[in-house]
Amino acid sequence: MELTVQIGQSVLNALAYLGSLATLSTRAAYYTVVAPFRGRPIRMQRAISQAMQCGVRALPILSLITFFIGLILALQAAYELKRFGAMNFVASAVAISMSRELGPLITAIVVIGRSGSAFAAEIGTMKVTEELDALETMAINPVHFLVTPKFIAMAIMLPCLTTWANAMGVLGGMVFGVSNAGFTALGYLHATADALFLRDIVSGLIKSFMFGITITAVGCQEGLSTGAGAEQVGRSTTSAVVISIFLVIAVDLIFTALFYFLGGK
């Protein structure tokens, strides 16, 4: 009986948490789309600053990781394809894997480590030091001032980062293809272009957009719900990373199933 009660309570807590994420996302969407027409303009300078932090400055580490991922994919694909004399499909395997799945997912995980945790730490510290209360005292809505620029930046930058990650993954695969699979550089690029359909790229970009919304919502929600004391900031940061990774994979599963049942290959 106690186990049933605990399971039920856990489910209710999870639903309540998802509700709080949906509420926060809805409020940020309101300040992005509706509020500017009611005299509350978007703080574009803060949004640009956030875009630089979570997007542009993530390029070096993201480039390195996705380049190696593409190279690893090519090696693993070639290991099996060589047995069937189908080495010409290495480029197709790398391109489809990166654009549909690994590009958006690896990008999201890198951004969670860099930015999702930073969002929780920043807002959590501001709550502990009562800066959020000071903002409200000055009639500045914390969601409008702090959260909305982060949502805008992540919604724009995650698809851009994913596109870059896909390109770096293809480049990594091309290094193996040219050196060991008998491709020329131009031939590898042609094989990649022939393997990809528009829906492969679009599905990955839609996923990355949803990942950006999820990461920002979790990071900001954990920051806003931080308890008193510096120790709670660390716990909120850790929770933001763990919950973000779990929800990103859950969102990935949902959208992958959706694209499959809507007729995707």
Protein backbone atom coordinates (compact mmCIF):
# COMPACT_ATOMS: atom_id res chain seq x y z
CA MET A 1 0.00 0.00 0.00
CA GLU A 2 2.78 2.39 0.92
CA LEU A 3 4.53 1.62 -2.37
CA THR A 4 1.36 2.50 -4.28
CA VAL A 5 1.07 5.77 -2.39
CA GLN A 6 4.71 6.63 -3.11
CA ILE A 7 4.31 5.86 -6.80
CA GLY A 8 1.13 7.94 -6.98
CA GLN A 9 2.81 10.84 -5.18
CA SER A 10 5.81 10.66 -7.52
CA VAL A 11 3.51 10.76 -10.55
CA LEU A 12 1.63 13.75 -9.14
CA ASN A 13 4.90 15.55 -8.40
CA ALA A 14 6.13 14.87 -11.94
CA LEU A 15 2.89 16.18 -13.45
CA ALA A 16 3.03 19.27 -11.23
CA TYR A 17 6.61 19.90 -12.34
CA LEU A 18 5.67 19.55 -16.01
CA GLY A 19 2.81 21.96 -15.35
CA SER A 20 5.21 24.51 -13.86
CA LEU A 21 7.47 24.17 -16.92
CA ALA A 22 4.49 24.69 -19.22
CA THR A 23 3.38 27.73 -17.24
CA LEU A 24 6.84 29.28 -17.34
CA SER A 25 7.15 28.61 -21.08
CA THR A 26 3.71 30.13 -21.70
CA ARG A 27 4.61 33.27 -19.76
CA ALA A 28 7.87 33.61 -21.70
CA ALA A 29 5.94 33.15 -24.97
CA TYR A 30 3.51 35.86 -23.87
CA TYR A 31 6.33 38.33 -23.22
CA THR A 32 7.87 37.39 -26.58
CA VAL A 33 4.80 37.55 -28.82
CA VAL A 34 2.02 39.53 -27.11
CA ALA A 35 3.63 41.91 -24.61
CA PRO A 36 5.59 43.96 -27.23
CA PHE A 37 2.24 45.07 -28.69
CA ARG A 38 1.14 46.21 -25.22
CA GLY A 39 4.04 48.51 -24.48
CA ARG A 40 6.47 45.97 -22.99
CA PRO A 41 9.23 45.58 -25.59
CA ILE A 42 11.56 42.61 -25.73
CA ARG A 43 14.94 43.25 -24.12
CA MET A 44 16.88 42.51 -27.29
CA GLN A 45 20.25 43.49 -25.84
CA ARG A 46 19.91 40.82 -23.17
CA ALA A 47 18.70 38.30 -25.75
CA ILE A 48 21.73 39.00 -27.96
CA SER A 49 24.04 38.67 -24.97
CA GLN A 50 22.45 35.32 -24.08
CA ALA A 51 22.75 34.18 -27.70
CA MET A 52 26.47 34.93 -27.60
CA GLN A 53 26.87 33.01 -24.35
CA CYS A 54 24.87 29.89 -25.21
CA GLY A 55 25.48 29.88 -28.95
CA VAL A 56 28.62 31.46 -30.34
CA ARG A 57 30.86 30.54 -27.41
CA ALA A 58 29.73 26.91 -27.60
CA LEU A 59 31.04 26.52 -31.15
CA PRO A 60 34.62 25.39 -30.35
CA ILE A 61 33.71 22.51 -28.02
CA LEU A 62 30.67 21.55 -30.11
CA SER A 63 32.75 21.49 -33.30
CA LEU A 64 35.37 19.24 -31.74
CA ILE A 65 32.83 16.79 -30.27
CA THR A 66 30.65 16.48 -33.38
CA PHE A 67 33.69 16.15 -35.67
CA PHE A 68 34.84 13.15 -33.63
CA ILE A 69 31.28 11.78 -33.49
CA GLY A 70 31.11 11.89 -37.29
CA LEU A 71 34.47 10.16 -37.53
CA ILE A 72 33.38 7.47 -35.06
CA LEU A 73 30.12 6.92 -36.95
CA ALA A 74 32.06 6.45 -40.20
CA LEU A 75 34.39 3.94 -38.54
CA GLN A 76 31.52 1.97 -37.01
CA ALA A 77 29.48 2.00 -40.23
CA ALA A 78 32.49 0.92 -42.29
CA TYR A 79 33.17 -1.96 -39.90
CA GLU A 80 29.83 -3.56 -40.85
CA LEU A 81 29.43 -2.29 -44.40
CA LYS A 82 32.86 -3.58 -45.43
CA ARG A 83 31.64 -7.14 -44.85
CA PHE A 84 28.95 -6.64 -47.50
CA GLY A 85 31.07 -4.67 -49.95
CA ALA A 86 28.93 -1.58 -49.38
CA MET A 87 31.52 0.99 -48.32
CA ASN A 88 29.84 3.51 -50.62
CA PHE A 89 27.03 3.78 -48.05
CA VAL A 90 29.31 5.17 -45.33
CA ALA A 91 28.48 8.75 -46.31
CA SER A 92 24.74 8.02 -46.22
CA ALA A 93 24.95 6.44 -42.77
CA VAL A 94 26.86 9.37 -41.28
CA ALA A 95 24.67 12.03 -42.89
CA ILE A 96 21.34 10.48 -41.89
CA SER A 97 22.47 9.63 -38.35
CA MET A 98 23.79 13.14 -37.74
CA SER A 99 20.91 15.09 -39.27
CA ARG A 100 18.07 13.07 -37.80
CA GLU A 101 19.36 12.16 -34.38
CA LEU A 102 22.90 12.68 -33.18
CA GLY A 103 23.34 16.27 -34.36
CA PRO A 104 20.37 17.65 -32.37
CA LEU A 105 20.94 15.35 -29.38
CA ILE A 106 24.68 15.93 -28.95
CA THR A 107 24.14 19.68 -29.40
CA ALA A 108 21.46 19.65 -26.72
CA ILE A 109 23.67 17.75 -24.26
CA VAL A 110 26.58 20.14 -24.81
CA VAL A 111 24.29 23.14 -24.31
CA ILE A 112 22.78 21.60 -21.18
CA GLY A 113 26.26 21.32 -19.66
CA ARG A 114 27.24 24.85 -20.67
CA SER A 115 24.05 26.90 -20.51
CA GLY A 116 21.27 24.95 -18.80
CA SER A 117 23.34 24.67 -15.65
CA ALA A 118 24.40 28.32 -15.96
CA PHE A 119 20.76 29.46 -16.14
CA ALA A 120 19.92 27.60 -12.94
CA ALA A 121 23.03 28.88 -11.14
CA GLU A 122 22.49 32.48 -12.24
CA ILE A 123 18.82 32.72 -11.32
CA GLY A 124 19.28 30.59 -8.20
CA THR A 125 22.04 32.89 -6.94
CA MET A 126 19.87 35.91 -7.64
CA LYS A 127 17.07 34.35 -5.60
CA VAL A 128 19.33 33.46 -2.67
CA THR A 129 20.77 37.00 -2.60
CA GLU A 130 17.23 38.45 -2.89
CA GLU A 131 17.91 40.14 -6.22
CA LEU A 132 14.67 38.71 -7.59
CA ASP A 133 12.79 40.39 -4.77
CA ALA A 134 14.58 43.64 -5.61
CA LEU A 135 13.46 43.35 -9.25
CA GLU A 136 9.85 42.88 -8.17
CA THR A 137 10.17 45.86 -5.81
CA MET A 138 11.21 47.96 -8.81
CA ALA A 139 8.13 46.66 -10.73
CA ILE A 140 10.33 44.57 -13.04
CA ASN A 141 8.90 41.14 -13.77
CA PRO A 142 11.68 38.53 -13.36
CA VAL A 143 10.24 36.35 -16.13
CA HIS A 144 10.21 39.28 -18.55
CA PHE A 145 13.65 40.54 -17.50
CA LEU A 146 15.56 37.26 -17.01
CA VAL A 147 13.73 34.32 -18.54
CA THR A 148 12.32 35.64 -21.82
CA PRO A 149 15.71 36.69 -23.31
CA LYS A 150 17.02 33.20 -22.54
CA PHE A 151 14.06 31.57 -24.30
CA ILE A 152 14.54 33.75 -27.38
CA ALA A 153 18.29 33.10 -27.51
CA MET A 154 17.97 29.33 -27.11
CA ALA A 155 15.08 29.00 -29.57
CA ILE A 156 17.20 30.71 -32.22
CA MET A 157 20.64 29.35 -31.41
CA LEU A 158 19.86 25.62 -30.91
CA PRO A 159 18.78 25.08 -34.54
CA CYS A 160 21.80 27.11 -35.70
CA LEU A 161 24.16 25.06 -33.52
CA THR A 162 22.53 21.86 -34.73
CA THR A 163 23.11 22.84 -38.36
CA TRP A 164 26.76 23.49 -37.56
CA ALA A 165 27.04 20.21 -35.66
CA ASN A 166 25.63 18.31 -38.65
CA ALA A 167 28.20 19.94 -40.92
CA MET A 168 31.07 19.09 -38.58
CA GLY A 169 29.84 15.49 -38.28
CA VAL A 170 29.79 15.17 -42.07
CA LEU A 171 33.29 16.65 -42.17
CA GLY A 172 34.49 14.07 -39.65
CA GLY A 173 32.97 11.28 -41.71
CA MET A 174 34.55 12.72 -44.84
CA VAL A 175 38.02 12.50 -43.29
CA PHE A 176 37.56 8.74 -42.95
CA GLY A 177 35.78 8.40 -46.29
CA VAL A 178 38.59 10.09 -48.21
CA SER A 179 41.41 8.37 -46.35
CA ASN A 180 40.06 4.82 -46.08
CA ALA A 181 36.82 4.30 -48.03
CA GLY A 182 37.89 5.30 -51.53
CA PHE A 183 35.92 8.55 -51.70
CA THR A 184 37.10 11.84 -53.09
CA ALA A 185 36.09 14.91 -51.08
CA LEU A 186 33.65 16.02 -53.78
CA GLY A 187 32.33 12.49 -54.22
CA TYR A 188 31.69 12.19 -50.47
CA LEU A 189 29.75 15.47 -50.44
CA HIS A 190 27.69 14.34 -53.44
CA ALA A 191 26.90 11.04 -51.70
CA THR A 192 25.86 12.97 -48.58
CA ALA A 193 23.59 15.29 -50.56
CA ASP A 194 22.00 12.34 -52.37
CA ALA A 195 21.30 10.53 -49.09
CA LEU A 196 19.56 13.44 -47.35
CA PHE A 197 15.97 14.51 -47.86
CA LEU A 198 14.53 17.81 -46.71
CA ARG A 199 12.48 16.03 -44.05
CA ASP A 200 15.66 14.61 -42.50
CA ILE A 201 17.06 18.08 -41.95
CA VAL A 202 13.76 19.68 -40.94
CA SER A 203 12.95 16.96 -38.40
CA GLY A 204 16.33 17.52 -36.73
CA LEU A 205 15.81 21.28 -36.62
CA ILE A 206 12.32 20.91 -35.12
CA LYS A 207 13.77 18.64 -32.45
CA SER A 208 16.53 21.13 -31.70
CA PHE A 209 14.00 23.96 -31.32
CA MET A 210 12.01 21.90 -28.80
CA PHE A 211 15.22 20.92 -27.02
CA GLY A 212 16.08 24.60 -26.63
CA ILE A 213 12.68 25.38 -25.11
CA THR A 214 12.98 22.39 -22.76
CA ILE A 215 16.51 23.21 -21.60
CA THR A 216 15.65 26.85 -20.90
CA ALA A 217 12.42 26.01 -19.09
CA VAL A 218 14.11 23.49 -16.80
CA GLY A 219 17.15 25.66 -16.09
CA CYS A 220 15.06 28.74 -15.27
CA GLN A 221 12.48 26.79 -13.28
CA GLU A 222 15.17 25.19 -11.14
CA GLY A 223 16.71 28.60 -10.57
CA LEU A 224 13.39 30.19 -9.60
CA SER A 225 12.60 27.36 -7.18
CA THR A 226 15.99 27.43 -5.43
CA GLY A 227 15.78 27.31 -1.65
CA ALA A 228 17.71 29.40 0.85
CA GLY A 229 21.47 29.01 1.10
CA ALA A 230 24.40 28.54 -1.23
CA GLU A 231 24.08 24.75 -1.01
CA GLN A 232 20.66 24.95 -2.66
CA VAL A 233 22.17 26.70 -5.67
CA GLY A 234 24.42 23.70 -6.26
CA ARG A 235 21.48 21.33 -5.91
CA SER A 236 19.41 23.37 -8.36
CA THR A 237 22.26 23.35 -10.87
CA THR A 238 22.67 19.59 -10.59
CA SER A 239 18.92 19.03 -10.88
CA ALA A 240 18.76 21.27 -13.94
CA VAL A 241 21.34 19.14 -15.76
CA VAL A 242 19.83 15.77 -14.79
CA ILE A 243 16.22 16.74 -15.49
CA SER A 244 17.13 18.50 -18.73
CA ILE A 245 18.90 15.42 -20.10
CA PHE A 246 15.97 13.19 -19.16
CA LEU A 247 13.36 15.50 -20.67
CA VAL A 248 15.40 16.13 -23.82
CA ILE A 249 15.56 12.38 -24.45
CA ALA A 250 11.83 12.07 -23.70
CA VAL A 251 11.06 14.89 -26.15
CA ASP A 252 13.38 13.23 -28.67
CA LEU A 253 11.44 9.97 -28.34
CA ILE A 254 8.08 11.71 -28.72
CA PHE A 255 9.07 13.62 -31.85
CA THR A 256 10.87 10.65 -33.40
CA ALA A 257 7.72 8.56 -32.95
CA LEU A 258 5.61 11.42 -34.29
CA PHE A 259 7.71 11.79 -37.43
CA TYR A 260 7.66 8.02 -37.90
CA PHE A 261 3.89 7.71 -37.69
CA LEU A 262 3.41 10.77 -39.90
CA GLY A 263 5.23 8.94 -42.65
CA GLY A 264 8.94 9.72 -42.15
CA LYS A 265 11.42 7.13 -43.38
